[in-house]
């Protein structure tokens, strides 16, 4: 994606300079987003995506560092505070059903969560901040994270953190598409925006037998059903209800015949918690409860518990900076309340170490259809791309100048 060098921003306010630069490159940002959308890549396989985005940012004079697997980090400026901006870049194993000219060309893979939009927004922010840097108006250092593997637990954020991307970072910001909010608006929330999210898989084993003689064997199917029903109930009673703990199953499998008690069965789902302190205690409780639930039935339980991601928690100072950024870009009526979500987001790993916050970027066409994330029919109003680019750049500058 070749774009002519930005004109001088001398004499402009930095708000105007950001706006003019993003307006100038917005058509190309839309082209970039459509290219990414047409060629989606799954977590840890984002090779083409990384090449395309790294080339776009490198052409703007940012110092690009590739990560060992996929994704990259880019930096601009010297000295002063360091503020980071993050985009995820992976797609989902979802078949696209939306009839668009730039629909996915990869069977069974689609950008059904809007990460192509996030990436285009961050490239737009790179343009805007680069123009300010060229005119000597960037008061510090900005670091961009083009992060792989957000859609798998425990998430690609840990991979980047392990490679030192948070070294010296004072604050970090990101955004996420919200197809329930109109374009021209952005959702913010002080405190927990998303929940912690873990994976739990319970594998039961027993001798098996005939359904006419359950007393001579371990009734594995009944035990599995007991865990499915009782674990969510027990967790809700054993944990502080203000923590918002939720256990929901997505898979249950056992047996192949109606008159055979099977030897093996499996149950898998997610555990979600709004409170970070309660999250630390949940694995121990789940293991204890499952063991006690299956004990009367004479079967053995193997529990695989994968700690996923912590909550995304926006601190008070970051919330203030984001409020100011939304007002500067979208006006006094641009901000809307962002409801607390039980969705998981590995951006929480960054906020576990440095302060920051996340913006819910409105992507619904006003008066149009309300879509949902992680579905193949998702359609995003591309007017959101320029808005997202300006919001990220504004947040970075306000944090540098705070």
Protein backbone atom coordinates (compact mmCIF):
# COMPACT_ATOMS: atom_id res chain seq x y z
CA UNK A 1 0.00 0.00 0.00
CA UNK A 2 1.90 3.06 -1.23
CA UNK A 3 0.76 6.46 0.00
CA UNK A 4 2.42 9.77 -0.76
CA UNK A 5 4.26 11.46 2.12
CA UNK A 6 2.07 13.53 4.39
CA UNK A 7 2.05 17.28 3.86
CA UNK A 8 3.46 19.50 6.59
CA UNK A 9 1.26 19.96 9.65
CA UNK A 10 3.06 23.14 10.75
CA UNK A 11 0.64 25.74 12.07
CA UNK A 12 -2.17 23.26 12.71
CA UNK A 13 -3.42 22.12 16.10
CA UNK A 14 -2.53 18.49 16.66
CA UNK A 15 -6.25 17.60 16.66
CA UNK A 16 -6.61 19.12 13.18
CA UNK A 17 -3.36 17.55 12.00
CA UNK A 18 -4.56 14.08 13.02
CA UNK A 19 -7.93 14.60 11.37
CA UNK A 20 -6.49 15.87 8.09
CA UNK A 21 -3.98 13.04 7.82
CA UNK A 22 -6.55 10.33 8.54
CA UNK A 23 -9.00 11.88 6.06
CA UNK A 24 -6.22 11.93 3.46
CA UNK A 25 -5.41 8.23 3.79
CA UNK A 26 -8.86 6.85 4.63
CA UNK A 27 -9.59 5.47 1.14
CA UNK A 28 -6.35 3.48 1.25
CA UNK A 29 -7.11 2.25 4.75
CA UNK A 30 -10.40 0.88 3.45
CA UNK A 31 -8.50 -0.86 0.63
CA UNK A 32 -6.11 -2.35 3.18
CA UNK A 33 -8.97 -3.61 5.33
CA UNK A 34 -10.64 -5.25 2.33
CA UNK A 35 -7.38 -6.93 1.36
CA UNK A 36 -7.04 -8.35 4.87
CA UNK A 37 -10.69 -9.40 4.88
CA UNK A 38 -10.32 -11.24 1.58
CA UNK A 39 -7.27 -13.16 2.82
CA UNK A 40 -7.96 -14.07 6.48
CA UNK A 41 -5.46 -16.17 8.43
CA UNK A 42 -5.98 -18.14 11.63
CA UNK A 43 -4.12 -17.67 14.91
CA UNK A 44 -0.34 -18.16 14.65
CA UNK A 45 -0.61 -18.48 10.87
CA UNK A 46 -0.82 -14.77 10.06
CA UNK A 47 2.18 -14.75 7.70
CA UNK A 48 0.69 -12.80 4.78
CA UNK A 49 -1.16 -10.52 7.16
CA UNK A 50 2.07 -9.73 9.01
CA UNK A 51 3.96 -9.05 5.77
CA UNK A 52 1.27 -6.75 4.42
CA UNK A 53 0.90 -4.70 7.59
CA UNK A 54 4.62 -4.56 8.37
CA UNK A 55 5.33 -3.27 4.87
CA UNK A 56 2.65 -0.57 5.23
CA UNK A 57 4.07 0.66 8.54
CA UNK A 58 7.73 0.31 7.57
CA UNK A 59 7.09 2.55 4.55
CA UNK A 60 6.06 5.30 6.99
CA UNK A 61 9.40 5.33 8.78
CA UNK A 62 8.44 3.32 11.85
CA UNK A 63 11.08 0.97 13.29
CA UNK A 64 9.61 -2.51 12.70
CA UNK A 65 10.55 -5.59 14.75
CA UNK A 66 9.10 -8.94 13.67
CA UNK A 67 8.00 -11.35 16.38
CA UNK A 68 9.36 -14.93 16.33
CA UNK A 69 6.12 -16.58 15.11
CA UNK A 70 3.90 -13.91 13.57
CA UNK A 71 2.92 -10.33 14.22
CA UNK A 72 5.26 -7.42 14.80
CA UNK A 73 5.97 -4.32 16.84
CA UNK A 74 6.71 -0.85 15.42
CA UNK A 75 8.10 2.19 17.20
CA UNK A 76 8.45 5.88 16.44
CA UNK A 77 10.03 8.70 18.42
CA UNK A 78 12.85 8.93 20.93
CA UNK A 79 12.77 9.48 24.66
CA UNK A 80 9.95 10.74 26.81
CA UNK A 81 7.01 8.63 27.79
CA UNK A 82 6.24 5.46 25.88
CA UNK A 83 2.61 4.82 24.93
CA UNK A 84 1.55 1.64 23.18
CA UNK A 85 -1.37 1.01 20.81
CA UNK A 86 -2.51 -2.52 20.03
CA UNK A 87 -4.41 -4.30 17.26
CA UNK A 88 -5.08 -8.01 16.94
CA UNK A 89 -4.70 -9.48 13.45
CA UNK A 90 -6.00 -13.08 13.39
CA UNK A 91 -9.24 -14.40 11.90
CA UNK A 92 -11.71 -17.06 13.05
CA UNK A 93 -12.56 -20.57 11.85
CA UNK A 94 -15.95 -19.33 10.62
CA UNK A 95 -17.46 -19.55 7.15
CA UNK A 96 -18.43 -16.13 5.80
CA UNK A 97 -22.02 -15.81 4.61
CA UNK A 98 -22.12 -12.05 3.96
CA UNK A 99 -22.34 -11.38 0.22
CA UNK A 100 -19.60 -8.77 -0.21
CA UNK A 101 -17.22 -8.18 -3.13
CA UNK A 102 -14.33 -8.50 -0.67
CA UNK A 103 -15.62 -11.60 1.11
CA UNK A 104 -13.20 -14.23 2.37
CA UNK A 105 -11.50 -16.37 -0.26
CA UNK A 106 -10.37 -18.90 2.36
CA UNK A 107 -12.96 -21.66 2.98
CA UNK A 108 -14.01 -21.85 6.61
CA UNK A 109 -12.00 -18.80 7.69
CA UNK A 110 -13.27 -15.23 8.08
CA UNK A 111 -12.63 -11.97 9.89
CA UNK A 112 -15.85 -12.40 11.84
CA UNK A 113 -14.59 -10.43 14.86
CA UNK A 114 -13.37 -7.30 13.08
CA UNK A 115 -9.63 -7.72 13.55
CA UNK A 116 -9.12 -6.58 9.95
CA UNK A 117 -10.80 -3.31 10.95
CA UNK A 118 -8.64 -3.02 14.07
CA UNK A 119 -5.48 -3.46 12.00
CA UNK A 120 -6.54 -0.84 9.45
CA UNK A 121 -7.33 1.57 12.29
CA UNK A 122 -3.85 1.08 13.75
CA UNK A 123 -2.19 1.66 10.38
CA UNK A 124 -4.25 4.84 10.13
CA UNK A 125 -2.99 5.91 13.57
CA UNK A 126 0.55 5.18 12.36
CA UNK A 127 0.00 7.59 9.46
CA UNK A 128 -1.38 10.33 11.69
CA UNK A 129 1.29 10.02 14.37
CA UNK A 130 3.99 9.75 11.72
CA UNK A 131 2.88 13.06 10.22
CA UNK A 132 3.17 14.72 13.63
CA UNK A 133 6.60 13.19 14.17
CA UNK A 134 7.78 14.51 10.81
CA UNK A 135 6.82 18.03 11.86
CA UNK A 136 8.48 17.67 15.27
CA UNK A 137 5.21 17.51 17.20
CA UNK A 138 5.41 13.99 18.66
CA UNK A 139 6.27 14.51 22.35
CA UNK A 140 7.61 11.08 23.17
CA UNK A 141 7.59 7.52 21.84
CA UNK A 142 4.73 5.46 20.43
CA UNK A 143 4.89 1.68 20.09
CA UNK A 144 2.43 -0.28 17.96
CA UNK A 145 1.52 -3.93 18.65
CA UNK A 146 0.19 -5.87 15.67
CA UNK A 147 -0.61 -8.93 17.75
CA UNK A 148 -1.29 -12.48 16.54
CA UNK A 149 -3.52 -15.13 18.07
CA UNK A 150 -6.05 -13.19 20.12
CA UNK A 151 -8.67 -15.82 19.36
CA UNK A 152 -6.92 -18.68 21.18
CA UNK A 153 -6.29 -19.02 24.90
CA UNK A 154 -4.23 -17.84 26.68
CA UNK A 155 -3.68 -15.48 23.73
CA UNK A 156 -0.89 -14.00 21.67
CA UNK A 157 -0.54 -11.06 24.06
CA UNK A 158 1.55 -13.25 26.36
CA UNK A 159 3.83 -14.08 23.41
CA UNK A 160 4.49 -10.40 22.77
CA UNK A 161 4.91 -9.61 26.46
CA UNK A 162 7.43 -12.44 26.73
CA UNK A 163 9.40 -10.75 23.96
CA UNK A 164 9.63 -7.51 25.91
CA UNK A 165 7.10 -5.33 24.14
CA UNK A 166 5.93 -3.76 27.41
CA UNK A 167 9.43 -2.71 28.48
CA UNK A 168 9.31 0.99 29.45
CA UNK A 169 5.65 1.32 28.35
CA UNK A 170 3.73 3.81 30.49
CA UNK A 171 0.25 3.21 29.10
CA UNK A 172 -1.46 1.03 26.47
CA UNK A 173 -4.69 1.48 24.52
CA UNK A 174 -6.71 -0.65 22.11
CA UNK A 175 -10.13 -0.81 20.52
CA UNK A 176 -12.66 -3.42 19.49
CA UNK A 177 -15.49 -3.33 16.98
CA UNK A 178 -18.96 -3.15 18.52
CA UNK A 179 -21.69 -3.92 15.95
CA UNK A 180 -24.41 -2.90 18.45
CA UNK A 181 -23.19 0.73 18.50
CA UNK A 182 -23.72 3.17 15.62
CA UNK A 183 -20.80 4.54 13.65
CA UNK A 184 -19.89 7.92 15.06
CA UNK A 185 -20.09 6.68 18.64
CA UNK A 186 -17.68 4.91 20.96
CA UNK A 187 -18.35 2.97 24.13
CA UNK A 188 -16.28 3.41 27.29
CA UNK A 189 -16.41 1.84 30.73
CA UNK A 190 -14.44 2.57 33.88
CA UNK A 191 -13.22 -0.64 35.54
CA UNK A 192 -13.91 -4.11 34.16
CA UNK A 193 -15.05 -4.04 30.55
CA UNK A 194 -14.74 -7.79 29.91
CA UNK A 195 -14.42 -10.85 32.09
CA UNK A 196 -11.67 -13.30 32.79
CA UNK A 197 -12.20 -16.38 30.62
CA UNK A 198 -10.86 -19.90 31.15
CA UNK A 199 -11.37 -23.25 29.44
CA UNK A 200 -12.36 -26.36 31.38
CA UNK A 201 -12.54 -29.91 30.07
CA UNK A 202 -13.75 -32.80 32.23
CA UNK A 203 -12.94 -36.32 31.03
CA UNK A 204 -14.62 -39.18 32.88
CA UNK A 205 -13.65 -42.84 32.66
CA UNK A 206 -15.12 -46.03 34.12
CA UNK A 207 -15.58 -49.74 33.46
CA UNK A 208 -18.71 -49.34 31.32
CA UNK A 209 -21.55 -51.82 31.26
CA UNK A 210 -25.19 -52.56 30.48
CA UNK A 211 -27.88 -50.01 31.20
CA UNK A 212 -29.92 -52.77 32.91
CA UNK A 213 -27.21 -53.12 35.59
CA UNK A 214 -25.98 -49.62 36.53
CA UNK A 215 -25.33 -50.83 40.10
CA UNK A 216 -22.61 -53.19 38.83
CA UNK A 217 -20.58 -50.48 37.10
CA UNK A 218 -19.97 -46.77 37.23
CA UNK A 219 -22.85 -44.89 35.64
CA UNK A 220 -20.61 -42.57 33.66
CA UNK A 221 -23.30 -40.82 31.63
CA UNK A 222 -25.27 -39.95 34.74
CA UNK A 223 -22.10 -38.69 36.41
CA UNK A 224 -21.31 -36.56 33.39
CA UNK A 225 -24.82 -35.10 33.43
CA UNK A 226 -24.46 -34.40 37.14
CA UNK A 227 -21.28 -32.40 36.55
CA UNK A 228 -22.93 -30.52 33.67
CA UNK A 229 -25.86 -29.52 35.86
CA UNK A 230 -24.32 -29.10 39.28
CA UNK A 231 -20.92 -27.49 38.70
CA UNK A 232 -22.40 -24.17 37.48
CA UNK A 233 -24.83 -24.19 40.43
CA UNK A 234 -22.16 -24.93 43.04
CA UNK A 235 -19.74 -22.32 41.63
CA UNK A 236 -22.50 -19.71 41.78
CA UNK A 237 -23.04 -20.53 45.49
CA UNK A 238 -19.42 -20.96 46.54
CA UNK A 239 -18.14 -17.73 44.96
CA UNK A 240 -19.12 -14.16 45.82
CA UNK A 241 -22.02 -13.35 43.46
CA UNK A 242 -20.51 -9.90 42.88
CA UNK A 243 -17.65 -11.65 41.05
CA UNK A 244 -20.07 -12.61 38.28
CA UNK A 245 -18.81 -16.19 37.86
CA UNK A 246 -20.43 -18.14 35.03
CA UNK A 247 -19.83 -21.74 33.90
CA UNK A 248 -21.36 -22.63 30.53
CA UNK A 249 -20.85 -25.86 28.60
CA UNK A 250 -20.32 -25.95 24.86
CA UNK A 251 -19.63 -29.68 24.36
CA UNK A 252 -20.89 -32.90 25.94
CA UNK A 253 -20.13 -36.31 24.50
CA UNK A 254 -20.58 -39.86 25.79
CA UNK A 255 -21.69 -43.19 24.41
CA UNK A 256 -22.85 -44.59 21.09
CA UNK A 257 -25.79 -46.85 21.99
CA UNK A 258 -28.90 -46.37 24.17
CA UNK A 259 -28.38 -49.59 26.16
CA UNK A 260 -24.64 -49.27 26.84
CA UNK A 261 -23.08 -47.33 29.70
CA UNK A 262 -19.93 -45.98 28.06
CA UNK A 263 -16.39 -46.20 29.38
CA UNK A 264 -15.53 -42.60 28.56
CA UNK A 265 -17.21 -39.23 28.28
CA UNK A 266 -16.13 -35.63 27.96
CA UNK A 267 -17.59 -32.27 28.93
CA UNK A 268 -16.04 -28.94 27.91
CA UNK A 269 -16.93 -25.31 28.35
CA UNK A 270 -15.83 -21.94 29.65
CA UNK A 271 -15.55 -20.33 33.05
CA UNK A 272 -15.98 -16.55 33.04
CA UNK A 273 -15.46 -14.17 35.98
CA UNK A 274 -15.72 -10.39 36.12
CA UNK A 275 -13.49 -10.02 39.18
CA UNK A 276 -9.72 -10.53 38.87
CA UNK A 277 -9.27 -11.49 42.54
CA UNK A 278 -11.96 -14.17 42.38
CA UNK A 279 -10.44 -15.42 39.12
CA UNK A 280 -7.30 -16.45 41.02
CA UNK A 281 -9.34 -18.85 43.20
CA UNK A 282 -11.62 -20.38 40.59
CA UNK A 283 -9.48 -23.22 39.24
CA UNK A 284 -9.00 -24.76 42.69
CA UNK A 285 -12.74 -24.61 43.35
CA UNK A 286 -13.68 -26.20 40.00
CA UNK A 287 -11.27 -29.09 40.54
CA UNK A 288 -12.54 -29.68 44.06
CA UNK A 289 -16.22 -29.61 43.09
CA UNK A 290 -15.87 -31.91 40.05
CA UNK A 291 -13.96 -34.49 42.12
CA UNK A 292 -16.66 -34.51 44.80
CA UNK A 293 -19.54 -34.62 42.30
CA UNK A 294 -18.34 -37.79 40.54
CA UNK A 295 -17.12 -39.64 43.65
CA UNK A 296 -20.47 -41.40 44.43
CA UNK A 297 -20.72 -42.86 40.93
CA UNK A 298 -17.56 -44.94 40.83
CA UNK A 299 -15.92 -43.16 37.90
CA UNK A 300 -12.64 -41.27 37.64
CA UNK A 301 -12.35 -37.64 36.61
CA UNK A 302 -9.48 -36.02 34.75
CA UNK A 303 -9.77 -32.21 34.71
CA UNK A 304 -7.91 -30.02 32.26
CA UNK A 305 -8.20 -26.39 33.31
CA UNK A 306 -6.62 -23.75 31.07
CA UNK A 307 -6.32 -20.27 32.50
CA UNK A 308 -7.26 -18.04 29.61
CA UNK A 309 -7.25 -14.26 29.95
CA UNK A 310 -7.78 -11.77 32.78
CA UNK A 311 -10.45 -9.06 32.68
CA UNK A 312 -9.88 -5.90 30.66
CA UNK A 313 -9.84 -3.23 33.39
CA UNK A 314 -9.62 0.46 32.46
CA UNK A 315 -8.09 2.56 35.24
CA UNK A 316 -9.40 6.02 36.16
CA UNK A 317 -6.65 8.07 34.47
CA UNK A 318 -6.84 6.06 31.24
CA UNK A 319 -10.63 6.40 31.28
CA UNK A 320 -10.26 10.19 31.54
CA UNK A 321 -7.83 10.24 28.60
CA UNK A 322 -10.19 8.12 26.51
CA UNK A 323 -13.16 10.32 27.37
CA UNK A 324 -11.21 13.36 26.19
CA UNK A 325 -10.18 11.53 23.01
CA UNK A 326 -13.75 10.53 22.17
CA UNK A 327 -14.98 14.09 22.77
CA UNK A 328 -12.23 15.51 20.55
CA UNK A 329 -12.97 13.12 17.68
CA UNK A 330 -16.74 12.58 17.94
CA UNK A 331 -18.00 15.57 19.89
CA UNK A 332 -19.78 15.75 23.25
CA UNK A 333 -22.44 13.22 22.26
CA UNK A 334 -20.04 10.65 20.81
CA UNK A 335 -19.50 8.65 23.99
CA UNK A 336 -21.95 5.92 25.01
CA UNK A 337 -21.82 3.59 28.04
CA UNK A 338 -20.19 0.25 27.30
CA UNK A 339 -21.97 -2.58 29.12
CA UNK A 340 -19.88 -5.07 31.05
CA UNK A 341 -19.29 -8.17 28.96
CA UNK A 342 -18.57 -11.80 29.84
CA UNK A 343 -16.53 -12.06 26.66
CA UNK A 344 -12.80 -12.72 27.00
CA UNK A 345 -10.11 -10.50 25.46
CA UNK A 346 -6.36 -11.08 25.84
CA UNK A 347 -5.78 -7.30 25.91
CA UNK A 348 -6.30 -7.88 29.62
CA UNK A 349 -2.79 -9.37 29.85
CA UNK A 350 -1.28 -5.98 28.93
CA UNK A 351 -3.44 -4.20 31.49
CA UNK A 352 -2.36 -6.74 34.07
CA UNK A 353 1.09 -5.08 33.90
CA UNK A 354 0.58 -1.45 32.79
CA UNK A 355 -2.39 0.92 32.97
CA UNK A 356 -4.54 1.54 29.94
CA UNK A 357 -7.95 0.97 28.47
CA UNK A 358 -10.06 -0.23 25.57
CA UNK A 359 -12.58 1.56 23.33
CA UNK A 360 -15.71 -0.06 21.94
CA UNK A 361 -15.76 1.26 18.36
CA UNK A 362 -19.22 1.67 16.87
CA UNK A 363 -19.48 -0.16 13.54
CA UNK A 364 -23.24 -0.32 12.90
CA UNK A 365 -24.67 1.74 10.06
CA UNK A 366 -27.22 4.08 11.70
CA UNK A 367 -30.66 2.65 11.07
CA UNK A 368 -29.14 -0.53 9.66
CA UNK A 369 -28.97 -4.15 10.75
CA UNK A 370 -27.50 -5.08 14.12
CA UNK A 371 -25.00 -7.90 13.63
CA UNK A 372 -23.11 -9.98 16.15
CA UNK A 373 -19.43 -10.84 16.44
CA UNK A 374 -18.13 -14.33 15.63
CA UNK A 375 -20.84 -14.86 13.04
CA UNK A 376 -20.33 -15.31 9.33
CA UNK A 377 -22.83 -12.62 8.38
CA UNK A 378 -21.00 -9.77 10.16
CA UNK A 379 -20.91 -6.55 8.13
CA UNK A 380 -18.95 -3.53 9.36
CA UNK A 381 -19.61 0.05 8.30
CA UNK A 382 -16.19 1.06 6.99
CA UNK A 383 -16.67 4.66 8.06
CA UNK A 384 -15.57 3.34 11.45
CA UNK A 385 -11.99 2.84 10.22
CA UNK A 386 -11.06 6.50 10.04
CA UNK A 387 -12.78 7.14 13.36
CA UNK A 388 -10.87 4.33 15.02
CA UNK A 389 -7.57 5.58 13.63
CA UNK A 390 -8.18 9.06 15.04
CA UNK A 391 -9.30 7.72 18.42
CA UNK A 392 -6.12 5.66 18.82
CA UNK A 393 -3.88 8.52 17.75
CA UNK A 394 -5.68 10.97 20.04
CA UNK A 395 -5.40 8.63 23.00
CA UNK A 396 -1.68 8.15 22.42
CA UNK A 397 -1.00 11.89 22.17
CA UNK A 398 -3.05 12.76 25.21
CA UNK A 399 -1.22 10.11 27.24
CA UNK A 400 2.15 11.43 26.03
CA UNK A 401 1.21 15.00 26.98
CA UNK A 402 -0.49 14.17 30.30
